[in-house]
Amino acid sequence: MILKKNNAKFITLEGIDGAGKSTHLNWLAERLRSQGKNVLVTREPGGTPLGEALRELLLHQAMNLETEALLMFAARREHLDKVIIPALREGTWVISDRFTDASFAYQGGGRGLDESKLKILEQWVQQDLQPDLTLLFDVTLEVSRQRLSANASLDRFEQEKQDFFQRVREAYLKRAAQFPERIRVIDSGRTLNEIQVDLEDIVSSI
């Protein structure tokens, strides 16, 4: 059990590529700061010098599926040790662009890695630590692909075919059904203002 100072919270943002979660990340951070909270924004894979080096490999280097999963969790272990846990212990709220739900969605749902292996890695790397709140930005595949088409430089995940993203989306929604007390599904096909009204309500509740 990690002792969090001043009731600090760990919030993660999830969704398929093109769901628009990154658009709302800074807004959420500033909203919390306006309430007087110290907020740290980070991302996965990444968040540390080692994690960022692994990110470059993971996003641009083809590799075995199990290697991919192991590197994701290696970066996560470093992220927890060097960034997330120290911040929570100091009373800083942490907002991370992706966390372990992404591994279940992308390596599990998208690529077909046995979920039992992901559960073993999850327990090994983070033990009982889970986000206090996960915001899952959900959008149709059509909208996702349309948004990605405007990006001239796509990483190897973003270049995947539509059926891959369909499996990723389904895996995310499965996780949301399994953990409804933690994961809140946000309809990300709406306007920014409509989404931010939802986010305001959710943030107020925690």
N, C-alpha and C. Protein backbone atom coordinates (compact mmCIF):
# COMPACT_ATOMS: atom_id res chain seq x y z
N MET A 1 0.84 -1.19 0.00
CA MET A 1 0.00 0.00 0.00
C MET A 1 0.88 1.25 0.00
N ILE A 2 0.62 2.15 -0.94
CA ILE A 2 1.39 3.39 -1.05
C ILE A 2 0.67 4.48 -0.28
N LEU A 3 1.37 5.12 0.64
CA LEU A 3 0.78 6.20 1.42
C LEU A 3 0.83 7.49 0.61
N LYS A 4 -0.35 7.99 0.23
CA LYS A 4 -0.44 9.21 -0.55
C LYS A 4 -0.65 10.40 0.38
N LYS A 5 0.17 11.39 0.22
CA LYS A 5 0.07 12.58 1.07
C LYS A 5 -1.04 13.50 0.57
N ASN A 6 -1.76 14.12 1.50
CA ASN A 6 -2.80 15.11 1.17
C ASN A 6 -3.85 14.56 0.21
N ASN A 7 -4.13 13.27 0.33
CA ASN A 7 -5.16 12.65 -0.50
C ASN A 7 -4.90 12.82 -2.00
N ALA A 8 -3.63 12.81 -2.39
CA ALA A 8 -3.27 12.93 -3.80
C ALA A 8 -3.88 11.79 -4.61
N LYS A 9 -4.22 12.07 -5.86
CA LYS A 9 -4.85 11.08 -6.73
C LYS A 9 -3.98 10.76 -7.94
N PHE A 10 -4.16 9.54 -8.43
CA PHE A 10 -3.49 9.07 -9.64
C PHE A 10 -4.56 8.88 -10.71
N ILE A 11 -4.51 9.71 -11.75
CA ILE A 11 -5.51 9.70 -12.82
C ILE A 11 -4.85 9.30 -14.13
N THR A 12 -5.48 8.40 -14.87
CA THR A 12 -4.93 8.00 -16.17
C THR A 12 -5.95 8.29 -17.26
N LEU A 13 -5.44 8.59 -18.45
CA LEU A 13 -6.27 8.83 -19.63
C LEU A 13 -5.96 7.74 -20.64
N GLU A 14 -7.02 7.13 -21.18
CA GLU A 14 -6.87 6.03 -22.11
C GLU A 14 -7.77 6.22 -23.33
N GLY A 15 -7.52 5.44 -24.37
CA GLY A 15 -8.35 5.47 -25.57
C GLY A 15 -7.54 5.04 -26.78
N ILE A 16 -8.23 4.63 -27.83
CA ILE A 16 -7.54 4.25 -29.05
C ILE A 16 -6.88 5.49 -29.65
N ASP A 17 -5.92 5.29 -30.52
CA ASP A 17 -5.26 6.41 -31.19
C ASP A 17 -6.30 7.21 -31.96
N GLY A 18 -6.27 8.53 -31.77
CA GLY A 18 -7.24 9.39 -32.43
C GLY A 18 -8.48 9.65 -31.59
N ALA A 19 -8.53 9.12 -30.37
CA ALA A 19 -9.71 9.33 -29.52
C ALA A 19 -9.76 10.73 -28.94
N GLY A 20 -8.64 11.44 -28.96
CA GLY A 20 -8.64 12.83 -28.50
C GLY A 20 -8.28 13.03 -27.05
N LYS A 21 -7.80 11.97 -26.38
CA LYS A 21 -7.49 12.09 -24.95
C LYS A 21 -6.41 13.15 -24.68
N SER A 22 -5.41 13.23 -25.55
CA SER A 22 -4.32 14.18 -25.33
C SER A 22 -4.82 15.63 -25.38
N THR A 23 -5.89 15.86 -26.12
CA THR A 23 -6.47 17.20 -26.22
C THR A 23 -6.95 17.68 -24.86
N HIS A 24 -7.43 16.75 -24.04
CA HIS A 24 -8.04 17.12 -22.76
C HIS A 24 -7.08 17.01 -21.58
N LEU A 25 -5.89 16.46 -21.82
CA LEU A 25 -4.97 16.23 -20.72
C LEU A 25 -4.54 17.53 -20.05
N ASN A 26 -4.09 18.50 -20.83
CA ASN A 26 -3.62 19.76 -20.25
C ASN A 26 -4.77 20.55 -19.64
N TRP A 27 -5.96 20.47 -20.25
CA TRP A 27 -7.13 21.15 -19.67
C TRP A 27 -7.42 20.60 -18.29
N LEU A 28 -7.38 19.28 -18.16
CA LEU A 28 -7.64 18.63 -16.88
C LEU A 28 -6.60 19.04 -15.84
N ALA A 29 -5.34 19.06 -16.24
CA ALA A 29 -4.27 19.45 -15.33
C ALA A 29 -4.46 20.88 -14.83
N GLU A 30 -4.79 21.78 -15.75
CA GLU A 30 -4.98 23.18 -15.36
C GLU A 30 -6.21 23.35 -14.49
N ARG A 31 -7.23 22.55 -14.75
CA ARG A 31 -8.45 22.62 -13.91
C ARG A 31 -8.12 22.22 -12.48
N LEU A 32 -7.34 21.19 -12.31
CA LEU A 32 -6.96 20.75 -10.97
C LEU A 32 -6.03 21.77 -10.29
N ARG A 33 -5.13 22.33 -11.07
CA ARG A 33 -4.23 23.36 -10.50
C ARG A 33 -5.01 24.58 -10.03
N SER A 34 -6.08 24.90 -10.75
CA SER A 34 -6.91 26.05 -10.36
C SER A 34 -7.61 25.80 -9.03
N GLN A 35 -7.69 24.55 -8.63
CA GLN A 35 -8.27 24.18 -7.34
C GLN A 35 -7.19 24.11 -6.25
N GLY A 36 -5.97 24.52 -6.60
CA GLY A 36 -4.90 24.56 -5.61
C GLY A 36 -4.11 23.28 -5.46
N LYS A 37 -4.25 22.36 -6.41
CA LYS A 37 -3.54 21.09 -6.31
C LYS A 37 -2.22 21.14 -7.09
N ASN A 38 -1.22 20.48 -6.56
CA ASN A 38 0.01 20.27 -7.31
C ASN A 38 -0.24 19.12 -8.28
N VAL A 39 0.08 19.32 -9.54
CA VAL A 39 -0.23 18.32 -10.56
C VAL A 39 1.01 18.02 -11.41
N LEU A 40 1.27 16.74 -11.61
CA LEU A 40 2.34 16.29 -12.49
C LEU A 40 1.72 15.57 -13.68
N VAL A 41 2.08 15.99 -14.89
CA VAL A 41 1.59 15.34 -16.11
C VAL A 41 2.72 14.50 -16.69
N THR A 42 2.42 13.26 -17.03
CA THR A 42 3.43 12.36 -17.57
C THR A 42 2.79 11.46 -18.63
N ARG A 43 3.57 10.50 -19.15
CA ARG A 43 3.02 9.66 -20.22
C ARG A 43 3.68 8.29 -20.23
N GLU A 44 2.98 7.36 -20.91
CA GLU A 44 3.52 6.02 -21.12
C GLU A 44 3.34 5.62 -22.58
N PRO A 45 4.30 4.83 -23.12
CA PRO A 45 5.59 4.57 -22.49
C PRO A 45 6.41 5.86 -22.42
N GLY A 46 7.21 5.98 -21.39
CA GLY A 46 8.01 7.19 -21.22
C GLY A 46 8.01 7.64 -19.78
N GLY A 47 8.10 8.95 -19.59
CA GLY A 47 8.03 9.52 -18.27
C GLY A 47 9.35 9.62 -17.53
N THR A 48 10.35 8.86 -17.95
CA THR A 48 11.70 8.90 -17.39
C THR A 48 12.69 8.84 -18.55
N PRO A 49 13.97 9.18 -18.33
CA PRO A 49 14.94 9.07 -19.43
C PRO A 49 14.98 7.65 -20.03
N LEU A 50 14.99 6.64 -19.18
CA LEU A 50 14.99 5.27 -19.68
C LEU A 50 13.68 4.96 -20.39
N GLY A 51 12.58 5.39 -19.80
CA GLY A 51 11.28 5.15 -20.41
C GLY A 51 11.14 5.80 -21.78
N GLU A 52 11.69 7.01 -21.92
CA GLU A 52 11.61 7.69 -23.22
C GLU A 52 12.46 6.98 -24.27
N ALA A 53 13.61 6.42 -23.83
CA ALA A 53 14.44 5.66 -24.77
C ALA A 53 13.70 4.39 -25.21
N LEU A 54 13.03 3.74 -24.27
CA LEU A 54 12.25 2.55 -24.61
C LEU A 54 11.06 2.93 -25.49
N ARG A 55 10.49 4.10 -25.27
CA ARG A 55 9.37 4.56 -26.09
C ARG A 55 9.76 4.62 -27.57
N GLU A 56 10.94 5.16 -27.84
CA GLU A 56 11.41 5.25 -29.23
C GLU A 56 11.49 3.87 -29.87
N LEU A 57 12.00 2.91 -29.13
CA LEU A 57 12.07 1.53 -29.64
C LEU A 57 10.68 0.96 -29.87
N LEU A 58 9.81 1.13 -28.87
CA LEU A 58 8.48 0.54 -28.92
C LEU A 58 7.63 1.12 -30.05
N LEU A 59 7.76 2.40 -30.30
CA LEU A 59 6.92 3.04 -31.31
C LEU A 59 7.45 2.90 -32.73
N HIS A 60 8.75 2.58 -32.86
CA HIS A 60 9.32 2.61 -34.20
C HIS A 60 10.09 1.35 -34.61
N GLN A 61 10.31 0.43 -33.69
CA GLN A 61 11.09 -0.77 -33.99
C GLN A 61 10.21 -2.02 -33.93
N ALA A 62 10.13 -2.76 -35.01
CA ALA A 62 9.37 -4.01 -35.00
C ALA A 62 10.03 -5.00 -34.06
N MET A 63 9.20 -5.78 -33.34
CA MET A 63 9.75 -6.72 -32.37
C MET A 63 8.73 -7.81 -32.05
N ASN A 64 9.20 -8.85 -31.39
CA ASN A 64 8.34 -9.93 -30.93
C ASN A 64 7.29 -9.37 -29.97
N LEU A 65 6.09 -9.92 -30.02
CA LEU A 65 5.00 -9.44 -29.19
C LEU A 65 5.33 -9.50 -27.70
N GLU A 66 5.95 -10.60 -27.25
CA GLU A 66 6.28 -10.71 -25.83
C GLU A 66 7.39 -9.73 -25.45
N THR A 67 8.31 -9.48 -26.36
CA THR A 67 9.33 -8.46 -26.12
C THR A 67 8.67 -7.10 -25.95
N GLU A 68 7.70 -6.82 -26.80
CA GLU A 68 6.97 -5.55 -26.73
C GLU A 68 6.30 -5.38 -25.37
N ALA A 69 5.62 -6.43 -24.90
CA ALA A 69 4.93 -6.36 -23.60
C ALA A 69 5.92 -6.20 -22.46
N LEU A 70 7.01 -6.94 -22.52
CA LEU A 70 8.02 -6.85 -21.45
C LEU A 70 8.65 -5.46 -21.40
N LEU A 71 8.93 -4.87 -22.56
CA LEU A 71 9.51 -3.53 -22.57
C LEU A 71 8.52 -2.48 -22.06
N MET A 72 7.24 -2.67 -22.40
CA MET A 72 6.22 -1.76 -21.88
C MET A 72 6.22 -1.77 -20.35
N PHE A 73 6.25 -2.96 -19.78
CA PHE A 73 6.21 -3.06 -18.32
C PHE A 73 7.54 -2.68 -17.68
N ALA A 74 8.64 -2.85 -18.40
CA ALA A 74 9.93 -2.39 -17.89
C ALA A 74 9.92 -0.86 -17.77
N ALA A 75 9.43 -0.20 -18.81
CA ALA A 75 9.31 1.26 -18.77
C ALA A 75 8.37 1.68 -17.66
N ARG A 76 7.30 0.91 -17.45
CA ARG A 76 6.30 1.23 -16.40
C ARG A 76 6.91 1.09 -15.01
N ARG A 77 7.72 0.06 -14.80
CA ARG A 77 8.34 -0.13 -13.49
C ARG A 77 9.22 1.07 -13.15
N GLU A 78 10.00 1.53 -14.13
CA GLU A 78 10.87 2.69 -13.94
C GLU A 78 10.03 3.94 -13.68
N HIS A 79 8.94 4.06 -14.43
CA HIS A 79 8.03 5.20 -14.30
C HIS A 79 7.44 5.26 -12.89
N LEU A 80 6.99 4.13 -12.40
CA LEU A 80 6.44 4.07 -11.04
C LEU A 80 7.49 4.43 -10.00
N ASP A 81 8.66 3.84 -10.15
CA ASP A 81 9.72 4.01 -9.15
C ASP A 81 10.28 5.43 -9.11
N LYS A 82 10.46 6.02 -10.28
CA LYS A 82 11.13 7.32 -10.35
C LYS A 82 10.18 8.51 -10.37
N VAL A 83 8.93 8.31 -10.78
CA VAL A 83 8.05 9.45 -10.99
C VAL A 83 6.73 9.33 -10.21
N ILE A 84 5.94 8.32 -10.52
CA ILE A 84 4.57 8.26 -10.02
C ILE A 84 4.50 8.10 -8.51
N ILE A 85 5.17 7.09 -7.96
CA ILE A 85 5.09 6.83 -6.52
C ILE A 85 5.69 7.97 -5.70
N PRO A 86 6.89 8.49 -6.06
CA PRO A 86 7.42 9.64 -5.30
C PRO A 86 6.48 10.84 -5.31
N ALA A 87 5.86 11.12 -6.45
CA ALA A 87 4.95 12.27 -6.53
C ALA A 87 3.75 12.09 -5.62
N LEU A 88 3.14 10.92 -5.64
CA LEU A 88 1.97 10.66 -4.79
C LEU A 88 2.34 10.76 -3.32
N ARG A 89 3.52 10.28 -2.97
CA ARG A 89 3.97 10.36 -1.57
C ARG A 89 4.22 11.79 -1.12
N GLU A 90 4.51 12.66 -2.09
CA GLU A 90 4.75 14.08 -1.77
C GLU A 90 3.46 14.90 -1.80
N GLY A 91 2.36 14.26 -2.16
CA GLY A 91 1.08 14.97 -2.21
C GLY A 91 0.76 15.57 -3.56
N THR A 92 1.48 15.17 -4.60
CA THR A 92 1.24 15.68 -5.95
C THR A 92 0.30 14.75 -6.71
N TRP A 93 -0.71 15.35 -7.32
CA TRP A 93 -1.61 14.56 -8.17
C TRP A 93 -0.87 14.20 -9.46
N VAL A 94 -1.06 12.97 -9.92
CA VAL A 94 -0.39 12.51 -11.14
C VAL A 94 -1.43 12.22 -12.21
N ILE A 95 -1.23 12.80 -13.39
CA ILE A 95 -2.07 12.49 -14.56
C ILE A 95 -1.17 11.86 -15.61
N SER A 96 -1.48 10.64 -15.98
CA SER A 96 -0.65 9.94 -16.97
C SER A 96 -1.43 9.66 -18.24
N ASP A 97 -0.81 10.01 -19.35
CA ASP A 97 -1.35 9.68 -20.68
C ASP A 97 -1.00 8.22 -20.95
N ARG A 98 -1.93 7.34 -20.61
CA ARG A 98 -1.85 5.89 -20.68
C ARG A 98 -1.17 5.28 -19.45
N PHE A 99 -1.61 4.03 -19.16
CA PHE A 99 -1.01 3.23 -18.10
C PHE A 99 -1.32 1.77 -18.44
N THR A 100 -1.52 0.92 -17.46
CA THR A 100 -1.61 -0.52 -17.71
C THR A 100 -2.83 -0.94 -18.54
N ASP A 101 -3.92 -0.19 -18.46
CA ASP A 101 -5.08 -0.54 -19.30
C ASP A 101 -4.69 -0.56 -20.77
N ALA A 102 -3.74 0.29 -21.15
CA ALA A 102 -3.28 0.31 -22.54
C ALA A 102 -2.60 -0.99 -22.93
N SER A 103 -1.89 -1.62 -21.99
CA SER A 103 -1.24 -2.90 -22.29
C SER A 103 -2.28 -3.99 -22.53
N PHE A 104 -3.33 -4.00 -21.71
CA PHE A 104 -4.40 -4.97 -21.91
C PHE A 104 -5.14 -4.72 -23.23
N ALA A 105 -5.25 -3.45 -23.62
CA ALA A 105 -5.95 -3.11 -24.85
C ALA A 105 -5.11 -3.37 -26.09
N TYR A 106 -3.86 -2.89 -26.09
CA TYR A 106 -3.02 -2.97 -27.29
C TYR A 106 -2.30 -4.31 -27.42
N GLN A 107 -1.53 -4.69 -26.40
CA GLN A 107 -0.82 -5.97 -26.50
C GLN A 107 -1.78 -7.15 -26.34
N GLY A 108 -2.79 -6.98 -25.47
CA GLY A 108 -3.77 -8.04 -25.26
C GLY A 108 -4.82 -8.07 -26.36
N GLY A 109 -5.68 -7.07 -26.40
CA GLY A 109 -6.76 -7.04 -27.39
C GLY A 109 -6.27 -6.91 -28.81
N GLY A 110 -5.41 -5.92 -29.06
CA GLY A 110 -4.96 -5.66 -30.42
C GLY A 110 -4.08 -6.75 -30.99
N ARG A 111 -3.08 -7.17 -30.22
CA ARG A 111 -2.10 -8.14 -30.73
C ARG A 111 -2.37 -9.57 -30.32
N GLY A 112 -3.24 -9.76 -29.33
CA GLY A 112 -3.63 -11.13 -28.98
C GLY A 112 -2.76 -11.81 -27.94
N LEU A 113 -1.99 -11.06 -27.17
CA LEU A 113 -1.19 -11.67 -26.11
C LEU A 113 -2.11 -12.21 -25.03
N ASP A 114 -1.80 -13.40 -24.54
CA ASP A 114 -2.60 -14.04 -23.50
C ASP A 114 -2.75 -13.10 -22.30
N GLU A 115 -3.99 -12.85 -21.90
CA GLU A 115 -4.25 -11.93 -20.80
C GLU A 115 -3.62 -12.38 -19.49
N SER A 116 -3.48 -13.69 -19.31
CA SER A 116 -2.88 -14.20 -18.07
C SER A 116 -1.44 -13.71 -17.92
N LYS A 117 -0.73 -13.57 -19.03
CA LYS A 117 0.66 -13.07 -18.97
C LYS A 117 0.68 -11.60 -18.57
N LEU A 118 -0.28 -10.84 -19.09
CA LEU A 118 -0.36 -9.43 -18.73
C LEU A 118 -0.70 -9.26 -17.25
N LYS A 119 -1.57 -10.12 -16.73
CA LYS A 119 -1.93 -10.04 -15.32
C LYS A 119 -0.73 -10.34 -14.42
N ILE A 120 0.10 -11.28 -14.83
CA ILE A 120 1.31 -11.60 -14.07
C ILE A 120 2.24 -10.39 -14.04
N LEU A 121 2.44 -9.76 -15.21
CA LEU A 121 3.30 -8.58 -15.28
C LEU A 121 2.71 -7.42 -14.47
N GLU A 122 1.41 -7.26 -14.54
CA GLU A 122 0.74 -6.19 -13.79
C GLU A 122 0.99 -6.36 -12.29
N GLN A 123 0.80 -7.57 -11.78
CA GLN A 123 0.99 -7.82 -10.36
C GLN A 123 2.45 -7.65 -9.96
N TRP A 124 3.34 -8.12 -10.80
CA TRP A 124 4.77 -8.04 -10.51
C TRP A 124 5.26 -6.59 -10.46
N VAL A 125 4.85 -5.81 -11.46
CA VAL A 125 5.37 -4.46 -11.63
C VAL A 125 4.71 -3.44 -10.69
N GLN A 126 3.40 -3.53 -10.50
CA GLN A 126 2.73 -2.48 -9.72
C GLN A 126 2.06 -2.98 -8.45
N GLN A 127 2.05 -4.26 -8.21
CA GLN A 127 1.48 -4.85 -7.00
C GLN A 127 0.04 -4.36 -6.82
N ASP A 128 -0.27 -3.66 -5.72
CA ASP A 128 -1.66 -3.26 -5.50
C ASP A 128 -1.98 -1.85 -5.99
N LEU A 129 -1.02 -1.21 -6.63
CA LEU A 129 -1.26 0.16 -7.09
C LEU A 129 -2.10 0.18 -8.36
N GLN A 130 -3.23 0.87 -8.32
CA GLN A 130 -4.07 1.10 -9.48
C GLN A 130 -4.42 2.59 -9.51
N PRO A 131 -4.75 3.12 -10.68
CA PRO A 131 -5.20 4.51 -10.73
C PRO A 131 -6.45 4.70 -9.86
N ASP A 132 -6.59 5.89 -9.30
CA ASP A 132 -7.82 6.22 -8.58
C ASP A 132 -8.96 6.46 -9.55
N LEU A 133 -8.61 6.92 -10.74
CA LEU A 133 -9.60 7.22 -11.77
C LEU A 133 -8.96 7.04 -13.14
N THR A 134 -9.69 6.37 -14.03
CA THR A 134 -9.25 6.25 -15.42
C THR A 134 -10.34 6.82 -16.31
N LEU A 135 -9.96 7.77 -17.15
CA LEU A 135 -10.88 8.36 -18.12
C LEU A 135 -10.63 7.70 -19.47
N LEU A 136 -11.61 6.94 -19.93
CA LEU A 136 -11.49 6.23 -21.20
C LEU A 136 -12.23 7.02 -22.27
N PHE A 137 -11.47 7.63 -23.16
CA PHE A 137 -12.05 8.42 -24.25
C PHE A 137 -12.38 7.48 -25.41
N ASP A 138 -13.68 7.30 -25.62
CA ASP A 138 -14.14 6.32 -26.61
C ASP A 138 -14.69 7.04 -27.84
N VAL A 139 -14.30 6.52 -29.00
CA VAL A 139 -14.72 7.14 -30.25
C VAL A 139 -14.86 6.04 -31.30
N THR A 140 -15.69 6.27 -32.30
CA THR A 140 -15.85 5.29 -33.36
C THR A 140 -14.56 5.17 -34.17
N LEU A 141 -14.39 4.04 -34.84
CA LEU A 141 -13.19 3.84 -35.65
C LEU A 141 -13.13 4.83 -36.80
N GLU A 142 -14.29 5.19 -37.34
CA GLU A 142 -14.32 6.14 -38.45
C GLU A 142 -13.75 7.49 -38.03
N VAL A 143 -14.16 7.96 -36.86
CA VAL A 143 -13.66 9.24 -36.36
C VAL A 143 -12.17 9.13 -36.04
N SER A 144 -11.78 8.01 -35.43
CA SER A 144 -10.38 7.80 -35.10
C SER A 144 -9.50 7.86 -36.34
N ARG A 145 -9.88 7.15 -37.39
CA ARG A 145 -9.07 7.11 -38.61
C ARG A 145 -9.04 8.48 -39.28
N GLN A 146 -10.15 9.19 -39.23
CA GLN A 146 -10.21 10.52 -39.83
C GLN A 146 -9.23 11.47 -39.14
N ARG A 147 -9.19 11.40 -37.81
CA ARG A 147 -8.27 12.25 -37.06
C ARG A 147 -6.82 11.88 -37.32
N LEU A 148 -6.54 10.58 -37.40
CA LEU A 148 -5.17 10.14 -37.64
C LEU A 148 -4.69 10.50 -39.04
N SER A 149 -5.62 10.58 -39.99
CA SER A 149 -5.24 10.87 -41.37
C SER A 149 -4.64 12.25 -41.52
N ALA A 150 -4.90 13.12 -40.54
CA ALA A 150 -4.34 14.48 -40.60
C ALA A 150 -2.91 14.52 -40.09
N ASN A 151 -2.44 13.40 -39.52
CA ASN A 151 -1.08 13.34 -38.98
C ASN A 151 -0.14 12.76 -40.04
N ALA A 152 0.84 13.52 -40.42
CA ALA A 152 1.75 13.09 -41.49
C ALA A 152 2.76 12.06 -41.01
N SER A 153 3.00 11.98 -39.71
CA SER A 153 4.01 11.08 -39.16
C SER A 153 3.36 10.13 -38.15
N LEU A 154 3.10 8.91 -38.58
CA LEU A 154 2.42 7.92 -37.73
C LEU A 154 3.42 6.89 -37.23
N ASP A 155 3.31 6.53 -35.93
CA ASP A 155 4.17 5.47 -35.40
C ASP A 155 3.61 4.11 -35.81
N ARG A 156 4.29 3.03 -35.43
CA ARG A 156 3.89 1.72 -35.94
C ARG A 156 2.56 1.23 -35.36
N PHE A 157 2.13 1.76 -34.22
CA PHE A 157 0.81 1.43 -33.70
C PHE A 157 -0.27 2.16 -34.50
N GLU A 158 -0.04 3.46 -34.73
CA GLU A 158 -1.01 4.26 -35.46
C GLU A 158 -1.18 3.79 -36.91
N GLN A 159 -0.18 3.07 -37.43
CA GLN A 159 -0.25 2.57 -38.81
C GLN A 159 -1.01 1.25 -38.93
N GLU A 160 -1.45 0.70 -37.81
CA GLU A 160 -2.15 -0.58 -37.85
C GLU A 160 -3.48 -0.47 -38.61
N LYS A 161 -3.98 -1.63 -39.04
CA LYS A 161 -5.24 -1.69 -39.80
C LYS A 161 -6.45 -1.48 -38.88
N GLN A 162 -7.60 -1.27 -39.51
CA GLN A 162 -8.82 -0.96 -38.77
C GLN A 162 -9.24 -2.10 -37.83
N ASP A 163 -9.04 -3.35 -38.25
CA ASP A 163 -9.46 -4.45 -37.38
C ASP A 163 -8.64 -4.50 -36.09
N PHE A 164 -7.39 -4.05 -36.16
CA PHE A 164 -6.56 -3.96 -34.96
C PHE A 164 -7.19 -2.99 -33.98
N PHE A 165 -7.56 -1.80 -34.46
CA PHE A 165 -8.15 -0.80 -33.58
C PHE A 165 -9.52 -1.22 -33.06
N GLN A 166 -10.23 -2.01 -33.86
CA GLN A 166 -11.51 -2.53 -33.39
C GLN A 166 -11.30 -3.44 -32.18
N ARG A 167 -10.28 -4.29 -32.24
CA ARG A 167 -9.97 -5.18 -31.12
C ARG A 167 -9.49 -4.38 -29.90
N VAL A 168 -8.70 -3.34 -30.16
CA VAL A 168 -8.22 -2.49 -29.06
C VAL A 168 -9.40 -1.81 -28.38
N ARG A 169 -10.30 -1.26 -29.18
CA ARG A 169 -11.47 -0.58 -28.61
C ARG A 169 -12.32 -1.54 -27.79
N GLU A 170 -12.53 -2.73 -28.33
CA GLU A 170 -13.34 -3.73 -27.60
C GLU A 170 -12.67 -4.12 -26.28
N ALA A 171 -11.34 -4.23 -26.30
CA ALA A 171 -10.62 -4.59 -25.07
C ALA A 171 -10.74 -3.48 -24.04
N TYR A 172 -10.68 -2.24 -24.48
CA TYR A 172 -10.85 -1.11 -23.57
C TYR A 172 -12.24 -1.14 -22.93
N LEU A 173 -13.26 -1.35 -23.74
CA LEU A 173 -14.63 -1.37 -23.22
C LEU A 173 -14.86 -2.56 -22.30
N LYS A 174 -14.17 -3.65 -22.57
CA LYS A 174 -14.23 -4.81 -21.68
C LYS A 174 -13.64 -4.46 -20.32
N ARG A 175 -12.51 -3.78 -20.33
CA ARG A 175 -11.88 -3.34 -19.07
C ARG A 175 -12.82 -2.40 -18.30
N ALA A 176 -13.48 -1.50 -19.03
CA ALA A 176 -14.40 -0.56 -18.38
C ALA A 176 -15.55 -1.30 -17.72
N ALA A 177 -16.03 -2.36 -18.36
CA ALA A 177 -17.12 -3.16 -17.78
C ALA A 177 -16.63 -3.94 -16.56
N GLN A 178 -15.36 -4.34 -16.56
CA GLN A 178 -14.80 -5.09 -15.44
C GLN A 178 -14.53 -4.20 -14.23
N PHE A 179 -14.18 -2.94 -14.48
CA PHE A 179 -13.80 -2.03 -13.39
C PHE A 179 -14.59 -0.73 -13.47
N PRO A 180 -15.91 -0.80 -13.37
CA PRO A 180 -16.75 0.40 -13.53
C PRO A 180 -16.54 1.45 -12.44
N GLU A 181 -16.04 1.01 -11.27
CA GLU A 181 -15.81 1.96 -10.18
C GLU A 181 -14.59 2.83 -10.45
N ARG A 182 -13.71 2.38 -11.34
CA ARG A 182 -12.48 3.11 -11.65
C ARG A 182 -12.51 3.76 -13.02
N ILE A 183 -13.03 3.07 -14.00
CA ILE A 183 -12.95 3.53 -15.39
C ILE A 183 -14.26 4.21 -15.79
N ARG A 184 -14.15 5.47 -16.19
CA ARG A 184 -15.30 6.23 -16.66
C ARG A 184 -15.17 6.41 -18.17
N VAL A 185 -16.18 5.99 -18.92
CA VAL A 185 -16.15 6.07 -20.38
C VAL A 185 -16.68 7.44 -20.82
N ILE A 186 -15.88 8.12 -21.63
CA ILE A 186 -16.23 9.44 -22.14
C ILE A 186 -16.50 9.34 -23.64
N ASP A 187 -17.67 9.77 -24.08
CA ASP A 187 -17.98 9.81 -25.51
C ASP A 187 -17.17 10.94 -26.13
N SER A 188 -16.10 10.57 -26.83
CA SER A 188 -15.16 11.56 -27.35
C SER A 188 -15.49 12.02 -28.76
N GLY A 189 -16.67 11.64 -29.25
CA GLY A 189 -17.08 12.09 -30.57
C GLY A 189 -17.84 13.40 -30.52
N ARG A 190 -18.03 13.95 -29.34
CA ARG A 190 -18.78 15.18 -29.16
C ARG A 190 -17.87 16.41 -29.22
N THR A 191 -18.45 17.58 -28.98
CA THR A 191 -17.65 18.81 -29.00
C THR A 191 -16.77 18.88 -27.75
N LEU A 192 -15.73 19.72 -27.82
CA LEU A 192 -14.83 19.89 -26.68
C LEU A 192 -15.60 20.37 -25.45
N ASN A 193 -16.50 21.31 -25.64
CA ASN A 193 -17.26 21.85 -24.51
C ASN A 193 -18.11 20.77 -23.84
N GLU A 194 -18.76 19.95 -24.64
CA GLU A 194 -19.61 18.88 -24.07
C GLU A 194 -18.76 17.90 -23.27
N ILE A 195 -17.60 17.56 -23.80
CA ILE A 195 -16.71 16.63 -23.09
C ILE A 195 -16.21 17.24 -21.80
N GLN A 196 -15.85 18.51 -21.84
CA GLN A 196 -15.31 19.16 -20.65
C GLN A 196 -16.35 19.32 -19.56
N VAL A 197 -17.62 19.43 -19.93
CA VAL A 197 -18.69 19.44 -18.92
C VAL A 197 -18.70 18.12 -18.17
N ASP A 198 -18.56 17.01 -18.91
CA ASP A 198 -18.49 15.68 -18.27
C ASP A 198 -17.27 15.59 -17.37
N LEU A 199 -16.13 16.05 -17.87
CA LEU A 199 -14.90 15.98 -17.09
C LEU A 199 -15.01 16.79 -15.81
N GLU A 200 -15.65 17.94 -15.91
CA GLU A 200 -15.85 18.79 -14.73
C GLU A 200 -16.64 18.05 -13.65
N ASP A 201 -17.68 17.36 -14.06
CA ASP A 201 -18.51 16.61 -13.11
C ASP A 201 -17.71 15.47 -12.47
N ILE A 202 -16.92 14.78 -13.30
CA ILE A 202 -16.15 13.64 -12.79
C ILE A 202 -15.07 14.11 -11.82
N VAL A 203 -14.36 15.18 -12.20
CA VAL A 203 -13.29 15.70 -11.34
C VAL A 203 -13.87 16.16 -10.01
N SER A 204 -15.04 16.80 -10.06
CA SER A 204 -15.67 17.27 -8.82
C SER A 204 -16.00 16.12 -7.89
N SER A 205 -16.29 14.95 -8.47
CA SER A 205 -16.69 13.80 -7.66
C SER A 205 -15.53 13.15 -6.92
N ILE A 206 -14.29 13.45 -7.32
CA ILE A 206 -13.16 12.83 -6.64
C ILE A 206 -12.41 13.84 -5.77
